[in-house]
Amino acid sequence: MVEESDFPEIDRDGPELVYMVVADHIAGRIERGDLKPGQRLPSELDLSEQYGVARMTVRRAMKELRERGLIRSVHGKGTYVQTPPATEAITDE
């Protein structure tokens, strides 16, 4: 369970895009292991209430996370954390 104080303060008048603040926060939770591969995320409605943003903002954040390869949505079932994509190793050849 995430405490209310764990959510980022969102400055709607600031330079950051609100959906990116939400996406980056969820991505950080995935990277830290707070959200594990295979774990189901709360619904868009629940996330919008938790973050205090519009449902469309959460929908856009979810799209961003799908594009990053961090989550996947299964129609009729929900949205799940994926195993983070492997980063390519840099080699000197």
N, C-alpha and C. Protein backbone atom coordinates (compact mmCIF):
# COMPACT_ATOMS: atom_id res chain seq x y z
N MET A 1 0.84 -1.18 0.00
CA MET A 1 0.00 0.00 0.00
C MET A 1 0.89 1.24 0.00
N VAL A 2 0.57 2.20 -0.83
CA VAL A 2 1.35 3.42 -0.94
C VAL A 2 0.70 4.49 -0.07
N GLU A 3 1.52 5.13 0.75
CA GLU A 3 1.03 6.20 1.61
C GLU A 3 0.78 7.45 0.77
N GLU A 4 -0.18 8.25 1.20
CA GLU A 4 -0.51 9.47 0.48
C GLU A 4 0.70 10.38 0.34
N SER A 5 1.58 10.40 1.34
CA SER A 5 2.77 11.26 1.30
C SER A 5 3.80 10.77 0.28
N ASP A 6 3.66 9.53 -0.22
CA ASP A 6 4.59 8.99 -1.20
C ASP A 6 4.32 9.48 -2.61
N PHE A 7 3.19 10.12 -2.83
CA PHE A 7 2.85 10.62 -4.16
C PHE A 7 3.50 11.97 -4.40
N PRO A 8 3.93 12.23 -5.63
CA PRO A 8 4.59 13.51 -5.90
C PRO A 8 3.61 14.68 -5.81
N GLU A 9 4.13 15.83 -5.44
CA GLU A 9 3.32 17.04 -5.46
C GLU A 9 3.28 17.52 -6.91
N ILE A 10 2.09 17.68 -7.43
CA ILE A 10 1.94 18.04 -8.84
C ILE A 10 1.61 19.52 -8.94
N ASP A 11 2.49 20.25 -9.62
CA ASP A 11 2.30 21.68 -9.85
C ASP A 11 1.71 21.86 -11.24
N ARG A 12 0.41 22.05 -11.29
CA ARG A 12 -0.28 22.17 -12.58
C ARG A 12 0.15 23.41 -13.36
N ASP A 13 0.73 24.40 -12.68
CA ASP A 13 1.19 25.62 -13.34
C ASP A 13 2.68 25.56 -13.67
N GLY A 14 3.34 24.49 -13.26
CA GLY A 14 4.77 24.34 -13.50
C GLY A 14 5.07 23.90 -14.92
N PRO A 15 6.35 23.81 -15.24
CA PRO A 15 6.76 23.46 -16.61
C PRO A 15 6.60 21.99 -16.97
N GLU A 16 6.50 21.10 -15.96
CA GLU A 16 6.40 19.68 -16.27
C GLU A 16 4.99 19.31 -16.71
N LEU A 17 4.91 18.39 -17.67
CA LEU A 17 3.62 17.86 -18.09
C LEU A 17 3.11 16.94 -16.99
N VAL A 18 1.86 17.12 -16.60
CA VAL A 18 1.31 16.37 -15.47
C VAL A 18 1.37 14.87 -15.74
N TYR A 19 1.03 14.45 -16.95
CA TYR A 19 1.04 13.01 -17.23
C TYR A 19 2.45 12.43 -17.11
N MET A 20 3.47 13.25 -17.43
CA MET A 20 4.85 12.77 -17.32
C MET A 20 5.27 12.64 -15.86
N VAL A 21 4.78 13.52 -14.99
CA VAL A 21 5.06 13.41 -13.56
C VAL A 21 4.50 12.10 -13.03
N VAL A 22 3.26 11.78 -13.43
CA VAL A 22 2.62 10.53 -13.01
C VAL A 22 3.38 9.33 -13.58
N ALA A 23 3.68 9.37 -14.87
CA ALA A 23 4.39 8.26 -15.52
C ALA A 23 5.77 8.05 -14.88
N ASP A 24 6.50 9.14 -14.64
CA ASP A 24 7.83 9.01 -14.04
C ASP A 24 7.76 8.46 -12.63
N HIS A 25 6.72 8.85 -11.88
CA HIS A 25 6.57 8.34 -10.52
C HIS A 25 6.30 6.84 -10.52
N ILE A 26 5.40 6.39 -11.40
CA ILE A 26 5.10 4.96 -11.50
C ILE A 26 6.33 4.20 -12.00
N ALA A 27 7.04 4.77 -12.98
CA ALA A 27 8.26 4.13 -13.49
C ALA A 27 9.29 3.99 -12.37
N GLY A 28 9.41 5.00 -11.53
CA GLY A 28 10.33 4.92 -10.40
C GLY A 28 9.96 3.82 -9.43
N ARG A 29 8.66 3.66 -9.19
CA ARG A 29 8.20 2.59 -8.30
C ARG A 29 8.52 1.22 -8.89
N ILE A 30 8.43 1.10 -10.21
CA ILE A 30 8.76 -0.16 -10.88
C ILE A 30 10.27 -0.42 -10.74
N GLU A 31 11.08 0.61 -11.01
CA GLU A 31 12.54 0.47 -10.95
C GLU A 31 13.01 0.12 -9.53
N ARG A 32 12.37 0.68 -8.51
CA ARG A 32 12.75 0.40 -7.12
C ARG A 32 12.26 -0.97 -6.65
N GLY A 33 11.35 -1.57 -7.41
CA GLY A 33 10.82 -2.87 -7.01
C GLY A 33 9.57 -2.78 -6.16
N ASP A 34 9.04 -1.57 -5.96
CA ASP A 34 7.78 -1.42 -5.23
C ASP A 34 6.64 -2.09 -6.00
N LEU A 35 6.72 -2.00 -7.32
CA LEU A 35 5.77 -2.68 -8.21
C LEU A 35 6.56 -3.75 -8.95
N LYS A 36 6.15 -4.98 -8.80
CA LYS A 36 6.91 -6.11 -9.34
C LYS A 36 6.33 -6.61 -10.66
N PRO A 37 7.16 -7.21 -11.52
CA PRO A 37 6.67 -7.77 -12.77
C PRO A 37 5.51 -8.74 -12.52
N GLY A 38 4.47 -8.59 -13.30
CA GLY A 38 3.28 -9.42 -13.17
C GLY A 38 2.23 -8.83 -12.24
N GLN A 39 2.60 -7.83 -11.47
CA GLN A 39 1.66 -7.20 -10.54
C GLN A 39 0.67 -6.33 -11.30
N ARG A 40 -0.59 -6.42 -10.89
CA ARG A 40 -1.64 -5.64 -11.53
C ARG A 40 -1.67 -4.25 -10.93
N LEU A 41 -1.75 -3.24 -11.79
CA LEU A 41 -1.86 -1.86 -11.34
C LEU A 41 -3.31 -1.54 -11.00
N PRO A 42 -3.53 -0.54 -10.15
CA PRO A 42 -4.90 -0.10 -9.89
C PRO A 42 -5.54 0.42 -11.18
N SER A 43 -6.86 0.51 -11.19
CA SER A 43 -7.58 1.00 -12.37
C SER A 43 -7.24 2.47 -12.62
N GLU A 44 -7.52 2.94 -13.83
CA GLU A 44 -7.31 4.35 -14.16
C GLU A 44 -8.06 5.26 -13.21
N LEU A 45 -9.28 4.87 -12.87
CA LEU A 45 -10.08 5.68 -11.95
C LEU A 45 -9.42 5.75 -10.57
N ASP A 46 -8.96 4.62 -10.08
CA ASP A 46 -8.28 4.60 -8.77
C ASP A 46 -7.00 5.43 -8.80
N LEU A 47 -6.22 5.27 -9.87
CA LEU A 47 -4.99 6.05 -9.98
C LEU A 47 -5.27 7.54 -10.07
N SER A 48 -6.33 7.92 -10.79
CA SER A 48 -6.66 9.34 -10.91
C SER A 48 -7.02 9.93 -9.55
N GLU A 49 -7.70 9.14 -8.73
CA GLU A 49 -8.04 9.59 -7.38
C GLU A 49 -6.79 9.67 -6.50
N GLN A 50 -5.90 8.68 -6.61
CA GLN A 50 -4.69 8.66 -5.80
C GLN A 50 -3.77 9.85 -6.12
N TYR A 51 -3.63 10.16 -7.41
CA TYR A 51 -2.74 11.23 -7.83
C TYR A 51 -3.44 12.60 -7.85
N GLY A 52 -4.77 12.60 -7.77
CA GLY A 52 -5.50 13.86 -7.80
C GLY A 52 -5.49 14.52 -9.16
N VAL A 53 -5.55 13.70 -10.20
CA VAL A 53 -5.53 14.20 -11.58
C VAL A 53 -6.72 13.61 -12.34
N ALA A 54 -6.95 14.12 -13.53
CA ALA A 54 -8.04 13.63 -14.37
C ALA A 54 -7.73 12.22 -14.89
N ARG A 55 -8.77 11.48 -15.15
CA ARG A 55 -8.61 10.11 -15.67
C ARG A 55 -7.86 10.10 -17.01
N MET A 56 -8.12 11.11 -17.84
CA MET A 56 -7.42 11.18 -19.13
C MET A 56 -5.91 11.41 -18.93
N THR A 57 -5.55 12.09 -17.86
CA THR A 57 -4.13 12.28 -17.56
C THR A 57 -3.49 10.95 -17.22
N VAL A 58 -4.17 10.13 -16.43
CA VAL A 58 -3.67 8.80 -16.09
C VAL A 58 -3.61 7.94 -17.34
N ARG A 59 -4.61 8.04 -18.19
CA ARG A 59 -4.62 7.26 -19.44
C ARG A 59 -3.39 7.60 -20.29
N ARG A 60 -3.06 8.90 -20.37
CA ARG A 60 -1.88 9.32 -21.15
C ARG A 60 -0.59 8.83 -20.48
N ALA A 61 -0.56 8.84 -19.15
CA ALA A 61 0.61 8.33 -18.43
C ALA A 61 0.79 6.83 -18.69
N MET A 62 -0.32 6.09 -18.73
CA MET A 62 -0.25 4.65 -19.00
C MET A 62 0.26 4.40 -20.42
N LYS A 63 -0.15 5.25 -21.36
CA LYS A 63 0.33 5.12 -22.74
C LYS A 63 1.84 5.32 -22.78
N GLU A 64 2.31 6.31 -22.05
CA GLU A 64 3.75 6.58 -21.97
C GLU A 64 4.50 5.38 -21.40
N LEU A 65 3.97 4.79 -20.35
CA LEU A 65 4.62 3.62 -19.72
C LEU A 65 4.60 2.41 -20.65
N ARG A 66 3.52 2.25 -21.42
CA ARG A 66 3.49 1.15 -22.41
C ARG A 66 4.55 1.37 -23.47
N GLU A 67 4.70 2.62 -23.92
CA GLU A 67 5.72 2.94 -24.93
C GLU A 67 7.12 2.68 -24.40
N ARG A 68 7.33 2.86 -23.10
CA ARG A 68 8.63 2.58 -22.48
C ARG A 68 8.84 1.09 -22.24
N GLY A 69 7.79 0.29 -22.43
CA GLY A 69 7.90 -1.16 -22.22
C GLY A 69 7.82 -1.57 -20.76
N LEU A 70 7.27 -0.70 -19.90
CA LEU A 70 7.21 -1.01 -18.49
C LEU A 70 5.92 -1.68 -18.05
N ILE A 71 4.85 -1.48 -18.81
CA ILE A 71 3.56 -2.09 -18.48
C ILE A 71 2.92 -2.63 -19.75
N ARG A 72 1.92 -3.47 -19.54
CA ARG A 72 1.11 -3.93 -20.67
C ARG A 72 -0.34 -4.03 -20.20
N SER A 73 -1.24 -3.73 -21.10
CA SER A 73 -2.67 -3.79 -20.78
C SER A 73 -3.29 -4.98 -21.47
N VAL A 74 -4.13 -5.68 -20.73
CA VAL A 74 -4.85 -6.83 -21.27
C VAL A 74 -6.33 -6.48 -21.22
N HIS A 75 -6.94 -6.39 -22.39
CA HIS A 75 -8.35 -5.98 -22.48
C HIS A 75 -9.22 -6.89 -21.61
N GLY A 76 -10.01 -6.26 -20.76
CA GLY A 76 -10.91 -7.00 -19.90
C GLY A 76 -10.29 -7.53 -18.62
N LYS A 77 -8.97 -7.39 -18.46
CA LYS A 77 -8.30 -7.92 -17.27
C LYS A 77 -7.62 -6.83 -16.46
N GLY A 78 -6.94 -5.90 -17.12
CA GLY A 78 -6.25 -4.85 -16.39
C GLY A 78 -4.89 -4.53 -16.99
N THR A 79 -4.13 -3.77 -16.24
CA THR A 79 -2.80 -3.34 -16.66
C THR A 79 -1.78 -3.93 -15.70
N TYR A 80 -0.72 -4.51 -16.25
CA TYR A 80 0.26 -5.25 -15.47
C TYR A 80 1.67 -4.73 -15.71
N VAL A 81 2.49 -4.83 -14.67
CA VAL A 81 3.90 -4.47 -14.77
C VAL A 81 4.60 -5.55 -15.57
N GLN A 82 5.43 -5.12 -16.51
CA GLN A 82 6.23 -6.05 -17.30
C GLN A 82 7.64 -6.10 -16.73
N THR A 83 8.37 -7.12 -17.09
CA THR A 83 9.79 -7.16 -16.76
C THR A 83 10.45 -6.03 -17.54
N PRO A 84 11.20 -5.15 -16.86
CA PRO A 84 11.81 -4.03 -17.58
C PRO A 84 12.68 -4.52 -18.72
N PRO A 85 12.66 -3.80 -19.84
CA PRO A 85 13.48 -4.22 -20.98
C PRO A 85 14.97 -4.16 -20.63
N ALA A 86 15.72 -5.12 -21.13
CA ALA A 86 17.17 -5.16 -20.87
C ALA A 86 17.82 -4.02 -21.64
N THR A 87 18.79 -3.39 -21.01
CA THR A 87 19.55 -2.35 -21.71
C THR A 87 20.74 -3.00 -22.38
N GLU A 88 21.08 -2.49 -23.53
CA GLU A 88 22.19 -3.07 -24.27
C GLU A 88 23.51 -2.70 -23.60
N ALA A 89 24.37 -3.67 -23.50
CA ALA A 89 25.68 -3.44 -22.92
C ALA A 89 26.56 -2.74 -23.95
N ILE A 90 27.33 -1.77 -23.48
CA ILE A 90 28.26 -1.06 -24.36
C ILE A 90 29.58 -1.79 -24.32
N THR A 91 30.10 -2.12 -25.49
CA THR A 91 31.35 -2.84 -25.56
C THR A 91 32.34 -2.05 -26.39
N ASP A 92 33.62 -2.11 -26.03
CA ASP A 92 34.69 -1.51 -26.81
C ASP A 92 35.25 -2.56 -27.75
N GLU A 93 35.07 -2.34 -29.02
CA GLU A 93 35.60 -3.29 -30.01
C GLU A 93 36.37 -2.55 -31.02
